[in-house]
Every structure is written in C-alpha cells, then in structure tokens.
N, C-alpha and C. Protein backbone atom coordinates (compact mmCIF):
# COMPACT_ATOMS: atom_id res chain seq x y z
N MET A 1 9.16 -9.24 6.27
CA MET A 1 8.55 -8.77 5.11
C MET A 1 8.96 -9.93 3.99
N SER A 2 8.04 -9.89 3.22
CA SER A 2 8.25 -10.87 2.06
C SER A 2 8.88 -9.86 0.56
N HIS A 3 8.45 -8.74 0.53
CA HIS A 3 8.81 -8.01 -0.87
C HIS A 3 8.14 -6.46 -0.62
N ALA A 4 8.54 -5.49 -1.48
CA ALA A 4 8.02 -4.00 -1.65
C ALA A 4 8.23 -3.96 -3.32
N SER A 5 6.91 -3.16 -3.13
CA SER A 5 6.68 -3.48 -5.01
C SER A 5 6.02 -1.45 -4.89
N HIS A 6 6.03 -1.13 -6.27
CA HIS A 6 5.81 -0.07 -6.57
C HIS A 6 4.37 -0.42 -7.69
N CYS A 7 3.34 -0.48 -7.50
CA CYS A 7 1.79 -0.63 -7.99
C CYS A 7 1.30 0.38 -8.56
N TYR A 8 1.44 0.51 -9.97
CA TYR A 8 0.55 1.58 -10.87
C TYR A 8 -0.48 1.37 -11.22
N CYS A 9 -1.60 0.50 -10.71
CA CYS A 9 -2.91 0.20 -10.81
C CYS A 9 -3.03 1.60 -10.78
N THR A 10 -4.52 1.82 -11.61
CA THR A 10 -5.48 3.17 -11.55
C THR A 10 -5.66 3.40 -10.15
N MET A 11 -6.11 2.49 -9.28
CA MET A 11 -7.10 2.37 -8.04
C MET A 11 -5.73 3.23 -7.17
N CYS A 12 -4.47 2.70 -6.93
CA CYS A 12 -3.59 2.86 -6.60
C CYS A 12 -3.13 4.40 -6.93
N GLN A 13 -3.09 4.96 -8.48
CA GLN A 13 -2.62 6.41 -8.59
C GLN A 13 -3.75 7.26 -8.03
N LYS A 14 -4.71 6.90 -7.89
CA LYS A 14 -5.94 7.89 -7.74
C LYS A 14 -6.10 7.76 -5.51
N GLN A 15 -5.80 7.04 -4.99
CA GLN A 15 -5.50 6.76 -4.00
C GLN A 15 -4.40 7.64 -3.43
N HIS A 16 -3.28 7.38 -4.11
CA HIS A 16 -2.16 7.99 -3.46
C HIS A 16 -1.81 9.62 -4.11
N GLY A 17 -2.82 10.15 -5.11
CA GLY A 17 -2.21 10.86 -5.81
C GLY A 17 -0.88 11.18 -6.34
N ALA A 18 -0.21 10.32 -6.82
CA ALA A 18 1.26 10.00 -7.66
C ALA A 18 0.70 8.74 -8.47
N ALA A 19 2.10 8.70 -8.96
CA ALA A 19 2.41 7.58 -9.96
C ALA A 19 1.72 6.32 -9.87
N ALA A 20 2.13 5.48 -8.18
CA ALA A 20 2.52 4.70 -7.94
C ALA A 20 2.07 4.51 -6.37
N GLY A 21 1.72 3.74 -5.68
CA GLY A 21 1.55 3.28 -4.47
C GLY A 21 2.51 2.39 -4.25
N THR A 22 3.41 2.38 -3.33
CA THR A 22 4.58 1.54 -2.80
C THR A 22 4.34 1.10 -1.70
N TYR A 23 4.38 -0.19 -1.37
CA TYR A 23 3.91 -1.07 -0.24
C TYR A 23 5.26 -1.95 0.05
N ALA A 24 5.26 -2.47 1.20
CA ALA A 24 5.83 -3.54 1.67
C ALA A 24 4.93 -4.77 2.27
N ASN A 25 4.82 -5.97 1.56
CA ASN A 25 3.83 -6.93 1.55
C ASN A 25 4.62 -7.66 3.17
N VAL A 26 3.72 -7.87 3.76
CA VAL A 26 4.01 -8.58 5.23
C VAL A 26 2.77 -9.59 5.83
N GLY A 27 3.18 -10.46 6.58
CA GLY A 27 2.31 -11.23 6.79
C GLY A 27 1.27 -10.89 8.00
N ALA A 28 -0.36 -10.82 7.56
CA ALA A 28 -1.56 -10.46 8.52
C ALA A 28 -1.11 -10.44 10.02
N ALA A 29 -0.79 -11.85 9.99
CA ALA A 29 -0.88 -12.64 11.69
C ALA A 29 0.02 -11.84 12.46
N GLY A 30 1.42 -11.07 11.97
CA GLY A 30 2.17 -10.62 13.01
C GLY A 30 2.16 -9.13 12.97
N PHE A 31 1.00 -8.58 12.38
CA PHE A 31 1.24 -7.23 11.82
C PHE A 31 0.26 -6.52 13.05
N ALA A 32 0.74 -5.46 13.71
CA ALA A 32 -0.45 -4.70 14.89
C ALA A 32 0.10 -3.42 14.38
N PHE A 33 -0.85 -2.32 14.87
CA PHE A 33 -0.14 -1.13 14.73
C PHE A 33 0.15 -0.83 16.33
N GLU A 34 1.23 -0.24 16.24
CA GLU A 34 1.66 0.14 17.75
C GLU A 34 1.02 1.46 18.84
N ARG A 35 0.60 2.01 17.74
CA ARG A 35 -0.53 2.81 18.76
C ARG A 35 -1.52 3.52 17.67
N GLY A 36 -2.62 3.75 18.03
CA GLY A 36 -3.60 4.77 17.18
C GLY A 36 -4.16 3.90 16.26
N ALA A 37 -4.48 2.52 16.79
CA ALA A 37 -5.04 1.19 16.21
C ALA A 37 -6.61 1.94 15.73
N ASP A 38 -6.76 2.60 17.05
CA ASP A 38 -8.47 3.20 16.72
C ASP A 38 -8.71 3.97 16.28
N LEU A 39 -7.53 4.53 15.63
CA LEU A 39 -8.39 5.56 14.44
C LEU A 39 -8.03 5.17 12.98
N VAL A 40 -8.04 3.59 12.80
CA VAL A 40 -7.61 3.16 11.87
C VAL A 40 -8.69 3.17 10.91
N THR A 41 -9.35 3.46 9.89
CA THR A 41 -10.45 2.61 9.01
C THR A 41 -10.12 1.89 7.90
N GLU A 42 -11.11 1.01 7.26
CA GLU A 42 -10.71 0.50 6.15
C GLU A 42 -12.45 0.76 5.27
N TYR A 43 -12.25 1.03 3.66
CA TYR A 43 -13.17 0.33 3.03
C TYR A 43 -12.83 -0.49 2.08
N ALA A 44 -13.66 -1.02 1.64
CA ALA A 44 -14.04 -1.54 0.00
C ALA A 44 -13.41 -0.91 -0.69
N SER A 45 -12.57 -0.84 -1.46
CA SER A 45 -11.88 -0.08 -2.56
C SER A 45 -12.63 -0.68 -3.75
N SER A 46 -12.30 -2.38 -3.92
CA SER A 46 -13.08 -3.10 -5.17
C SER A 46 -13.27 -4.28 -4.53
N GLY A 47 -13.75 -5.27 -5.29
CA GLY A 47 -14.33 -6.62 -4.59
C GLY A 47 -13.40 -7.11 -4.18
N ASP A 48 -12.14 -6.91 -4.65
CA ASP A 48 -11.06 -7.74 -4.74
C ASP A 48 -10.02 -7.15 -3.52
N GLY A 49 -10.18 -5.67 -2.93
CA GLY A 49 -9.52 -5.20 -2.24
C GLY A 49 -10.16 -4.04 -1.28
N ARG A 50 -9.50 -4.18 -0.02
CA ARG A 50 -9.88 -3.56 1.19
C ARG A 50 -8.15 -2.05 1.50
N ARG A 51 -9.16 -0.99 1.63
CA ARG A 51 -7.50 0.05 1.71
C ARG A 51 -7.80 0.91 3.39
N GLY A 52 -6.79 0.29 3.96
CA GLY A 52 -7.02 1.11 5.40
C GLY A 52 -6.23 2.18 5.33
N PHE A 53 -6.52 3.72 6.13
CA PHE A 53 -6.63 4.96 6.13
C PHE A 53 -6.42 5.28 7.74
N CYS A 54 -5.65 6.70 8.19
CA CYS A 54 -6.14 7.23 9.21
C CYS A 54 -7.36 8.43 9.28
N ARG A 55 -8.16 7.98 9.82
CA ARG A 55 -9.60 8.86 9.60
C ARG A 55 -9.54 10.59 10.62
N VAL A 56 -8.31 10.74 10.85
CA VAL A 56 -7.84 12.15 11.26
C VAL A 56 -6.71 12.81 10.34
N CYS A 57 -6.12 11.80 9.87
CA CYS A 57 -5.37 12.69 8.81
C CYS A 57 -5.30 12.22 7.33
N GLY A 58 -6.16 11.16 6.73
CA GLY A 58 -6.35 10.84 6.02
C GLY A 58 -5.17 9.78 5.30
N SER A 59 -3.79 9.81 5.86
CA SER A 59 -3.30 8.82 5.17
C SER A 59 -3.08 7.39 4.81
N THR A 60 -2.98 7.00 3.98
CA THR A 60 -3.21 5.63 3.07
C THR A 60 -2.15 4.56 3.82
N LEU A 61 -3.09 3.79 4.45
CA LEU A 61 -1.60 3.25 5.76
C LEU A 61 -1.70 1.73 4.99
N PHE A 62 -2.25 1.05 4.25
CA PHE A 62 -2.18 -0.06 3.94
C PHE A 62 -3.30 -0.89 2.47
N TRP A 63 -3.34 -1.89 2.24
CA TRP A 63 -4.11 -1.97 1.18
C TRP A 63 -4.25 -4.04 1.19
N ARG A 64 -5.31 -4.66 1.54
CA ARG A 64 -5.50 -6.05 1.85
C ARG A 64 -6.02 -6.61 0.80
N SER A 65 -5.52 -7.35 0.27
CA SER A 65 -6.67 -8.77 -0.69
C SER A 65 -7.50 -9.20 -0.14
N THR A 66 -8.81 -9.09 -0.64
CA THR A 66 -9.50 -10.29 0.17
C THR A 66 -9.33 -11.76 -0.41
N GLN A 67 -8.52 -11.61 -1.69
CA GLN A 67 -8.29 -13.26 -1.95
C GLN A 67 -7.29 -13.71 -1.39
N SER A 68 -6.41 -12.70 -0.48
CA SER A 68 -4.79 -13.17 0.27
C SER A 68 -5.54 -12.64 1.68
N PRO A 69 -6.31 -13.31 2.69
CA PRO A 69 -6.30 -12.75 4.07
C PRO A 69 -5.25 -12.54 4.58
N ASP A 70 -4.12 -13.53 4.66
CA ASP A 70 -3.38 -13.78 5.15
C ASP A 70 -1.99 -12.47 4.89
N ARG A 71 -1.88 -12.12 4.16
CA ARG A 71 -0.66 -10.82 3.91
C ARG A 71 -1.69 -9.44 4.23
N ILE A 72 -0.67 -8.31 4.22
CA ILE A 72 -1.31 -7.18 3.88
C ILE A 72 0.17 -6.30 3.48
N ALA A 73 -0.34 -5.23 2.56
CA ALA A 73 0.61 -4.34 1.84
C ALA A 73 0.58 -3.03 2.73
N LEU A 74 1.80 -2.65 3.56
CA LEU A 74 2.04 -1.46 4.18
C LEU A 74 2.16 -0.44 3.15
N THR A 75 1.94 0.98 3.26
CA THR A 75 2.88 1.64 2.62
C THR A 75 3.99 2.04 3.26
N LEU A 76 4.79 2.32 2.53
CA LEU A 76 5.96 2.82 2.55
C LEU A 76 6.59 4.05 3.26
N GLY A 77 5.66 5.07 2.57
CA GLY A 77 6.10 6.54 2.76
C GLY A 77 5.17 6.49 4.64
N THR A 78 4.73 5.68 4.98
CA THR A 78 3.94 6.21 6.63
C THR A 78 4.86 5.03 7.54
N MET A 79 5.82 4.02 7.20
CA MET A 79 6.89 3.35 8.21
C MET A 79 7.45 4.32 8.85
N GLU A 80 7.54 3.53 10.08
CA GLU A 80 8.61 4.55 10.94
C GLU A 80 8.77 3.13 11.94
N PRO A 81 10.29 2.90 12.05
CA PRO A 81 11.34 3.92 11.41
C PRO A 81 11.12 3.56 9.39
N GLU A 82 12.00 4.37 8.77
CA GLU A 82 11.84 4.37 7.14
C GLU A 82 12.35 2.78 6.51
N TYR A 83 11.35 2.88 5.80
CA TYR A 83 12.21 1.61 5.10
C TYR A 83 13.35 1.56 4.47
N ASP A 84 13.92 0.61 4.66
CA ASP A 84 15.67 0.93 4.25
C ASP A 84 16.34 -0.10 2.64
N ALA A 85 15.56 -0.95 2.60
CA ALA A 85 15.70 -1.83 1.46
C ALA A 85 15.23 -2.01 0.21
N PRO A 86 15.50 -2.41 -0.79
CA PRO A 86 15.08 -1.78 -2.14
C PRO A 86 13.41 -2.14 -2.24
N VAL A 87 12.99 -1.41 -3.16
CA VAL A 87 11.41 -1.80 -4.09
C VAL A 87 12.05 -2.78 -5.11
N GLU A 88 12.18 -3.82 -5.54
CA GLU A 88 11.87 -4.52 -6.83
C GLU A 88 11.29 -5.17 -7.51
N ARG A 89 9.89 -4.90 -7.55
CA ARG A 89 8.50 -5.32 -7.81
C ARG A 89 8.17 -3.67 -8.58
N GLU A 90 7.52 -4.20 -9.55
CA GLU A 90 6.70 -3.08 -10.39
C GLU A 90 5.40 -4.34 -10.73
N LEU A 91 4.13 -3.48 -10.38
CA LEU A 91 3.40 -4.21 -10.41
C LEU A 91 2.08 -3.18 -11.29
N HIS A 92 1.29 -3.73 -12.25
CA HIS A 92 0.65 -3.59 -13.55
C HIS A 92 1.27 -1.77 -14.18
N THR A 93 2.45 -2.72 -14.71
CA THR A 93 3.01 -1.38 -15.25
C THR A 93 2.20 -1.13 -16.70
N ASP A 94 1.13 -1.83 -16.77
CA ASP A 94 0.55 -1.69 -18.14
C ASP A 94 -0.38 -0.44 -18.14
N THR A 95 -0.42 0.34 -17.02
CA THR A 95 -1.01 1.55 -16.71
C THR A 95 -0.04 2.41 -16.12
N LYS A 96 1.13 2.50 -16.12
CA LYS A 96 2.19 3.32 -15.74
C LYS A 96 2.04 4.21 -16.50
N PRO A 97 2.05 5.46 -15.95
CA PRO A 97 2.20 6.91 -16.18
C PRO A 97 3.26 7.00 -17.56
N ARG A 98 3.10 7.63 -18.33
CA ARG A 98 3.78 8.18 -19.50
C ARG A 98 4.79 9.05 -19.25
N TRP A 99 3.91 9.95 -18.19
CA TRP A 99 4.88 11.29 -17.53
C TRP A 99 5.68 11.14 -16.99
N LEU A 100 6.13 10.02 -16.48
CA LEU A 100 7.41 9.36 -15.64
C LEU A 100 8.95 9.28 -15.98
N PRO A 101 9.26 9.52 -15.22
CA PRO A 101 11.00 9.82 -16.22
C PRO A 101 11.45 8.44 -16.70
N THR A 102 12.18 8.07 -17.58
CA THR A 102 12.80 6.56 -17.89
C THR A 102 14.31 6.44 -17.47
N ARG A 103 14.72 5.31 -16.95
CA ARG A 103 15.58 4.93 -16.45
C ARG A 103 16.76 5.40 -16.97
C-alpha cells in the first residue's frame, strides 16, 4: 500500500453516506479478491472513475481512477484483517462537511 486517505468529495460522501470515503491506495496488478470476486460489480460513477461494490450486500469496496488504471483505492472499512496504519492524507477538503468535529 502506498498511502491511506480520507476523501471528502461529494461523490464519496454520497456513496458512503458519511463525511468521507476512506481508502488505501494499492497497485492494481498485485490486487485480487480472496473470495467472492464473482459478487463484485463496478459502475462508472463519473468520467474519471469507477466504483466497485458487492452486488449481494451493497458494500462499497473500491474506487478506481480511469486516469490511473495501475492503482486501486480499497475501502478501509471492508478490509480483513483490519487496516492498522495511520490515515495521513485528506483529499478534497474544500467540500469537507462543516458538521465534522474539529481537532
């Protein structure tokens, strides 16, 4: 994994129903689902990206940029084992919700 980030873009907010989508960025070439790959589907959420989700439970699983097909951003909340490194980046802070607590 190269880094983890909270993305505050409005598409991530709507996709996750939360203030942000939180992702770990990994190389697409080395990524594979251990099981259930046949249950994962994607859709074009914009001209710049595709989002993957489980078609059984609806969980958001990843986001991939059409501009950088060699990378994939995996949702941290769905990882097993649990992701245990820090989230050090914040993206699209201009649309970060005002209702979030400040540090």
